[in-house]
Amino acid sequence: MKASAAQAFDEYPDLPVVVGVDGSVPSLRAVEWAADEAALRGASLRLVRASLWECYEGTSPAHGLDRPSEHVRAEDIVDTAERRARHRQPGVKVATDMLTEEPEYSLIRESHEALALVLGCRGRSGVAEALLGSVSVTVAGHAHCPVIVLRGGHHHEMRSGTGGGIVLGVREKPAGSAAVQYAVEEALLRGVPLEGVRAWRRPVSAATGSLLIIAEPARLQEQQAVEAVEEALREAPAWLRTRPRTVEGPARDALLAASREADLLVVGARRRQGRFGLQLGRVAHGVLHQAACPVAVVPEPA
């Protein structure tokens, strides 16, 4: 990667960072994170409030106004988010929109013209730390741009640029990977190290197998993991601090462990044409639900 991260986005000068807002504390923290991201990338910020509730519950006028009460509430949500963004990053241009439709559909449509989508982690009932709302999962599984879901901390605290670094989940063949490019850009913009993590599994031996027989395949698996990480980190310029790591065991467990000290965990997700349903692999799905830091899911072409 010969150009700087800022130069990498020169070809998309007008694309905003988009954040979904719903009035919750996680979504307001997402606004702050997205404002920081927009400032780093020299982009504008777009705040989107999408909901169908205004259709069903917007029949009674607000007190002293000629507008439905739910419409007034939606405006309050957006206004609060806008004030939060302007206070956080006064130099970032902020636009807002209120859409009367399902948030999943509107945010996926927004992803066609966005540098990134940022969403707050909003779990349900008593297991909010472990479970993600359906909007976050659906958008991450279908968006056309990177989706950052703010996980981290028992109180949904998010960290941004605290120096822990960017962790990249390295795929088997990382050459030309959009996730690799995104992770490099984030590390450069934030001035933090980039850690490439690749897990490998020891081949399962037959009941009568000899340890000497399976030793060579195990070394081969480990060496292939080392080579994949090295290939991925070659995308970074020489001045960026990089840390290769290979771990024996499940990929999800390796990335969850790395997320405990990271600013951002970056994983790729294949987008297969003609395939319906969520297009998240098991690893991406797992870290979205359990990572200790924000997770960026970057779409990869099949």
Protein backbone atom coordinates (compact mmCIF):
# COMPACT_ATOMS: atom_id res chain seq x y z
CA MET A 1 0.00 0.00 0.00
CA LYS A 2 1.89 3.01 -1.27
CA ALA A 3 -0.63 5.82 -0.65
CA SER A 4 -1.59 7.19 2.72
CA ALA A 5 -4.95 6.35 4.23
CA ALA A 6 -6.25 9.84 3.54
CA GLN A 7 -5.20 9.62 -0.12
CA ALA A 8 -6.99 6.28 -0.41
CA PHE A 9 -10.32 8.10 -0.04
CA ASP A 10 -9.64 10.92 -2.48
CA GLU A 11 -11.72 9.08 -5.07
CA TYR A 12 -14.75 9.16 -2.72
CA PRO A 13 -14.63 12.77 -1.47
CA ASP A 14 -18.39 13.20 -1.01
CA LEU A 15 -19.31 9.93 0.69
CA PRO A 16 -20.33 10.39 4.33
CA VAL A 17 -19.95 8.28 7.42
CA VAL A 18 -23.51 7.22 8.24
CA VAL A 19 -24.75 6.45 11.75
CA GLY A 20 -28.11 5.03 12.75
CA VAL A 21 -29.74 6.87 15.67
CA ASP A 22 -32.66 5.76 17.83
CA GLY A 23 -32.32 7.87 20.97
CA SER A 24 -30.66 5.14 23.05
CA VAL A 25 -27.40 5.64 24.94
CA PRO A 26 -25.56 3.15 22.64
CA SER A 27 -26.68 5.06 19.56
CA LEU A 28 -25.47 8.38 21.00
CA ARG A 29 -22.09 6.81 21.67
CA ALA A 30 -22.16 5.58 18.09
CA VAL A 31 -22.72 9.20 17.00
CA GLU A 32 -19.58 10.27 18.85
CA TRP A 33 -17.56 7.40 17.39
CA ALA A 34 -18.85 8.16 13.89
CA ALA A 35 -18.04 11.87 14.31
CA ASP A 36 -14.46 10.95 15.22
CA GLU A 37 -14.27 8.62 12.21
CA ALA A 38 -15.58 11.33 9.89
CA ALA A 39 -13.02 13.80 11.25
CA LEU A 40 -10.19 11.30 10.74
CA ARG A 41 -11.24 10.67 7.15
CA GLY A 42 -12.08 14.27 6.26
CA ALA A 43 -15.65 13.18 5.52
CA SER A 44 -19.10 14.47 6.39
CA LEU A 45 -21.43 12.79 8.87
CA ARG A 46 -24.98 11.69 8.11
CA LEU A 47 -27.39 10.89 10.97
CA VAL A 48 -30.30 8.63 10.01
CA ARG A 49 -33.37 7.94 12.12
CA ALA A 50 -35.52 5.22 10.55
CA SER A 51 -38.65 3.78 12.14
CA LEU A 52 -42.12 2.57 11.28
CA TRP A 53 -43.55 3.54 14.67
CA GLU A 54 -44.40 7.01 13.38
CA CYS A 55 -46.81 5.36 10.93
CA TYR A 56 -48.70 3.45 13.59
CA GLU A 57 -48.53 5.76 16.58
CA GLY A 58 -48.38 9.17 14.98
CA THR A 59 -52.12 9.78 14.95
CA SER A 60 -52.51 12.02 18.00
CA PRO A 61 -51.32 15.64 17.70
CA ALA A 62 -48.53 16.79 19.97
CA HIS A 63 -49.63 19.26 22.64
CA GLY A 64 -49.82 22.72 21.13
CA LEU A 65 -48.51 21.57 17.76
CA ASP A 66 -49.99 20.49 14.46
CA ARG A 67 -47.58 17.59 14.14
CA PRO A 68 -48.02 14.03 15.42
CA SER A 69 -46.37 13.43 18.78
CA GLU A 70 -44.20 10.61 17.44
CA HIS A 71 -42.89 12.89 14.70
CA VAL A 72 -41.91 15.44 17.34
CA ARG A 73 -40.17 12.69 19.32
CA ALA A 74 -38.26 11.59 16.21
CA GLU A 75 -37.15 15.18 15.64
CA ASP A 76 -35.97 15.38 19.24
CA ILE A 77 -33.93 12.20 18.80
CA VAL A 78 -32.26 13.53 15.68
CA ASP A 79 -31.69 16.99 17.16
CA THR A 80 -30.05 15.49 20.24
CA ALA A 81 -27.80 13.33 18.09
CA GLU A 82 -26.88 16.30 15.92
CA ARG A 83 -25.92 18.39 18.95
CA ARG A 84 -23.83 15.51 20.26
CA ALA A 85 -21.98 15.22 16.95
CA ARG A 86 -21.31 18.95 16.61
CA HIS A 87 -20.06 19.16 20.17
CA ARG A 88 -17.76 16.18 19.60
CA GLN A 89 -16.34 17.36 16.26
CA PRO A 90 -17.25 21.00 15.51
CA GLY A 91 -15.41 20.91 12.19
CA VAL A 92 -17.38 18.01 10.70
CA LYS A 93 -20.29 18.78 8.40
CA VAL A 94 -23.45 17.09 9.72
CA ALA A 95 -26.61 16.20 7.78
CA THR A 96 -29.74 14.51 9.17
CA ASP A 97 -32.66 12.54 7.80
CA MET A 98 -35.80 10.88 9.22
CA LEU A 99 -37.20 7.93 7.30
CA THR A 100 -40.52 6.17 7.81
CA GLU A 101 -39.47 2.59 7.12
CA GLU A 102 -37.73 -0.36 8.72
CA PRO A 103 -34.24 0.67 9.88
CA GLU A 104 -32.62 -2.45 8.39
CA TYR A 105 -33.78 -1.58 4.88
CA SER A 106 -32.93 2.10 5.10
CA LEU A 107 -29.43 1.52 6.48
CA ILE A 108 -28.61 -1.15 3.90
CA ARG A 109 -29.73 1.27 1.19
CA GLU A 110 -27.62 4.03 2.76
CA SER A 111 -24.59 1.70 2.60
CA HIS A 112 -24.49 2.06 -1.20
CA GLU A 113 -23.36 5.68 -0.77
CA ALA A 114 -21.40 5.61 2.49
CA LEU A 115 -17.78 5.33 3.54
CA ALA A 116 -18.95 3.34 6.55
CA LEU A 117 -22.02 2.65 8.67
CA VAL A 118 -21.75 2.97 12.46
CA LEU A 119 -24.25 1.31 14.81
CA GLY A 120 -24.58 1.14 18.56
CA CYS A 121 -24.68 -2.26 20.24
CA ARG A 122 -28.17 -2.60 21.65
CA GLY A 123 -28.82 -6.00 23.21
CA ARG A 124 -32.08 -7.10 24.74
CA SER A 125 -33.27 -7.76 28.31
CA GLY A 126 -30.71 -9.13 30.77
CA VAL A 127 -28.19 -10.35 28.22
CA ALA A 128 -27.37 -7.07 26.50
CA GLU A 129 -23.63 -7.68 26.82
CA ALA A 130 -23.82 -10.94 24.87
CA LEU A 131 -26.54 -10.44 22.29
CA LEU A 132 -26.88 -8.01 19.42
CA GLY A 133 -30.06 -6.40 18.18
CA SER A 134 -31.45 -7.75 14.93
CA VAL A 135 -30.80 -4.45 13.14
CA SER A 136 -27.04 -4.64 13.71
CA VAL A 137 -26.79 -8.27 12.61
CA THR A 138 -28.94 -7.77 9.51
CA VAL A 139 -27.12 -4.63 8.39
CA ALA A 140 -23.68 -6.16 8.99
CA GLY A 141 -24.76 -9.17 6.95
CA HIS A 142 -25.97 -7.24 3.91
CA ALA A 143 -24.32 -3.79 3.77
CA HIS A 144 -22.20 -2.69 0.82
CA CYS A 145 -19.69 -0.75 2.92
CA PRO A 146 -17.86 -1.44 6.20
CA VAL A 147 -20.21 -1.67 9.19
CA ILE A 148 -18.82 -0.76 12.62
CA VAL A 149 -20.78 -2.14 15.56
CA LEU A 150 -19.79 -0.62 18.87
CA ARG A 151 -19.19 -3.35 21.35
CA GLY A 152 -17.00 -3.12 24.42
CA GLY A 153 -17.36 -3.02 28.18
CA HIS A 154 -20.13 -4.22 30.46
CA HIS A 155 -21.86 -0.85 30.14
CA HIS A 156 -21.50 -0.62 26.36
CA GLU A 157 -18.57 1.74 26.76
CA MET A 158 -16.74 2.23 23.53
CA ARG A 159 -13.12 3.05 23.00
CA SER A 160 -11.83 5.04 20.05
CA GLY A 161 -8.16 5.61 19.36
CA THR A 162 -6.99 4.73 22.85
CA GLY A 163 -3.74 3.24 21.55
CA GLY A 164 -4.60 -0.43 21.83
CA GLY A 165 -4.27 -0.87 18.09
CA ILE A 166 -6.23 -2.39 15.24
CA VAL A 167 -6.68 -6.17 15.14
CA LEU A 168 -7.24 -7.80 11.75
CA GLY A 169 -8.68 -11.26 11.38
CA VAL A 170 -6.60 -12.69 8.52
CA ARG A 171 -8.30 -14.96 6.00
CA GLU A 172 -6.65 -17.90 4.25
CA LYS A 173 -5.93 -15.88 1.09
CA PRO A 174 -5.67 -12.22 2.16
CA ALA A 175 -4.20 -10.76 -1.05
CA GLY A 176 -6.40 -7.91 -2.30
CA SER A 177 -8.71 -8.20 0.70
CA ALA A 178 -10.95 -5.21 1.41
CA ALA A 179 -10.71 -6.02 5.13
CA VAL A 180 -6.91 -5.81 5.01
CA GLN A 181 -7.06 -2.44 3.24
CA TYR A 182 -9.58 -1.10 5.73
CA ALA A 183 -7.53 -2.27 8.73
CA VAL A 184 -4.38 -0.66 7.34
CA GLU A 185 -6.21 2.62 6.75
CA GLU A 186 -7.62 2.65 10.28
CA ALA A 187 -4.21 1.99 11.82
CA LEU A 188 -2.63 4.77 9.76
CA LEU A 189 -5.37 7.27 10.55
CA ARG A 190 -5.26 6.56 14.27
CA GLY A 191 -1.48 6.23 14.51
CA VAL A 192 -1.70 2.85 16.25
CA PRO A 193 -0.17 -0.57 15.51
CA LEU A 194 -1.84 -3.15 13.28
CA GLU A 195 -1.95 -6.72 14.54
CA GLY A 196 -2.70 -9.51 12.08
CA VAL A 197 -4.19 -12.62 13.71
CA ARG A 198 -4.57 -15.98 12.02
CA ALA A 199 -5.69 -19.15 13.80
CA TRP A 200 -4.73 -22.64 12.77
CA ARG A 201 -5.93 -26.07 13.82
CA ARG A 202 -3.87 -29.18 14.50
CA PRO A 203 -5.06 -32.05 12.26
CA VAL A 204 -7.15 -34.61 14.10
CA SER A 205 -5.32 -37.94 14.33
CA ALA A 206 -6.95 -41.31 13.94
CA ALA A 207 -7.31 -43.44 17.07
CA THR A 208 -4.37 -45.55 15.97
CA GLY A 209 -2.38 -42.65 14.60
CA SER A 210 1.13 -41.83 15.74
CA LEU A 211 2.18 -38.42 17.06
CA LEU A 212 5.14 -38.60 14.73
CA ILE A 213 2.81 -39.07 11.79
CA ILE A 214 0.66 -36.01 12.54
CA ALA A 215 3.55 -33.73 13.54
CA GLU A 216 4.40 -32.77 9.96
CA PRO A 217 0.81 -31.79 8.97
CA ALA A 218 0.60 -29.68 12.14
CA ARG A 219 3.79 -27.83 11.25
CA LEU A 220 2.40 -27.31 7.75
CA GLN A 221 -0.82 -25.79 9.11
CA GLU A 222 1.13 -23.46 11.35
CA GLN A 223 3.45 -22.41 8.54
CA GLN A 224 0.52 -21.65 6.26
CA ALA A 225 -0.96 -19.43 8.98
CA VAL A 226 2.36 -17.59 9.35
CA GLU A 227 2.55 -17.03 5.59
CA ALA A 228 -1.05 -15.74 5.43
CA VAL A 229 -0.37 -13.16 8.15
CA GLU A 230 2.87 -12.07 6.49
CA GLU A 231 1.06 -11.67 3.17
CA ALA A 232 -1.66 -9.56 4.77
CA LEU A 233 0.76 -7.27 6.59
CA ARG A 234 2.75 -6.66 3.42
CA GLU A 235 -0.16 -4.42 2.40
CA ALA A 236 0.93 -1.97 5.11
CA PRO A 237 3.58 0.72 4.46
CA ALA A 238 6.97 0.20 6.07
CA TRP A 239 6.44 2.97 8.65
CA LEU A 240 3.32 1.38 10.14
CA ARG A 241 4.00 -0.76 13.20
CA THR A 242 2.72 -4.27 12.57
CA ARG A 243 2.50 -7.33 14.79
CA PRO A 244 1.94 -10.79 13.31
CA ARG A 245 0.28 -13.40 15.51
CA THR A 246 -0.66 -17.00 14.84
CA VAL A 247 -2.71 -18.95 17.37
CA GLU A 248 -3.54 -22.62 17.57
CA GLY A 249 -7.25 -23.08 18.12
CA PRO A 250 -10.61 -21.74 16.87
CA ALA A 251 -10.42 -18.44 14.97
CA ARG A 252 -13.28 -16.92 16.94
CA ASP A 253 -11.55 -17.58 20.27
CA ALA A 254 -8.28 -16.09 19.00
CA LEU A 255 -9.99 -12.90 17.84
CA LEU A 256 -12.08 -12.53 20.98
CA ALA A 257 -8.91 -12.76 23.08
CA ALA A 258 -7.18 -10.14 20.89
CA SER A 259 -10.21 -7.82 21.13
CA ARG A 260 -9.69 -7.32 24.87
CA GLU A 261 -6.84 -4.87 24.26
CA ALA A 262 -7.85 -3.51 20.85
CA ASP A 263 -9.39 -0.25 19.65
CA LEU A 264 -11.07 -1.98 16.71
CA LEU A 265 -11.41 -5.54 15.42
CA VAL A 266 -11.68 -5.87 11.62
CA VAL A 267 -13.11 -8.96 9.93
CA GLY A 268 -14.19 -9.67 6.38
CA ALA A 269 -17.55 -11.05 5.23
CA ARG A 270 -18.10 -12.63 1.82
CA ARG A 271 -20.86 -11.22 -0.36
CA ARG A 272 -22.01 -13.99 -2.71
CA GLN A 273 -24.22 -12.95 -5.59
CA GLY A 274 -27.55 -14.72 -5.72
CA ARG A 275 -27.34 -15.91 -2.13
CA PHE A 276 -30.16 -14.98 0.22
CA GLY A 277 -30.11 -14.64 3.98
CA LEU A 278 -27.32 -13.32 6.18
CA GLN A 279 -23.91 -13.33 4.55
CA LEU A 280 -21.85 -13.46 7.71
CA GLY A 281 -19.43 -16.28 8.35
CA ARG A 282 -19.37 -18.07 11.69
CA VAL A 283 -16.31 -16.13 12.83
CA ALA A 284 -17.75 -12.70 11.97
CA HIS A 285 -21.07 -13.63 13.57
CA GLY A 286 -19.32 -14.83 16.71
CA VAL A 287 -17.15 -11.76 17.25
CA LEU A 288 -20.07 -9.42 16.59
CA HIS A 289 -21.85 -10.99 19.55
CA GLN A 290 -18.96 -11.29 21.97
CA ALA A 291 -16.03 -8.99 21.14
CA ALA A 292 -14.72 -6.66 23.83
CA CYS A 293 -14.17 -3.75 21.41
CA PRO A 294 -15.91 -2.23 18.37
CA VAL A 295 -16.08 -4.60 15.39
CA ALA A 296 -15.81 -3.57 11.74
CA VAL A 297 -17.35 -6.02 9.27
CA VAL A 298 -15.97 -5.33 5.79
CA PRO A 299 -17.76 -6.82 2.77
CA GLU A 300 -15.57 -8.95 0.52
CA PRO A 301 -16.56 -9.92 -3.02
CA ALA A 302 -16.90 -13.66 -3.60
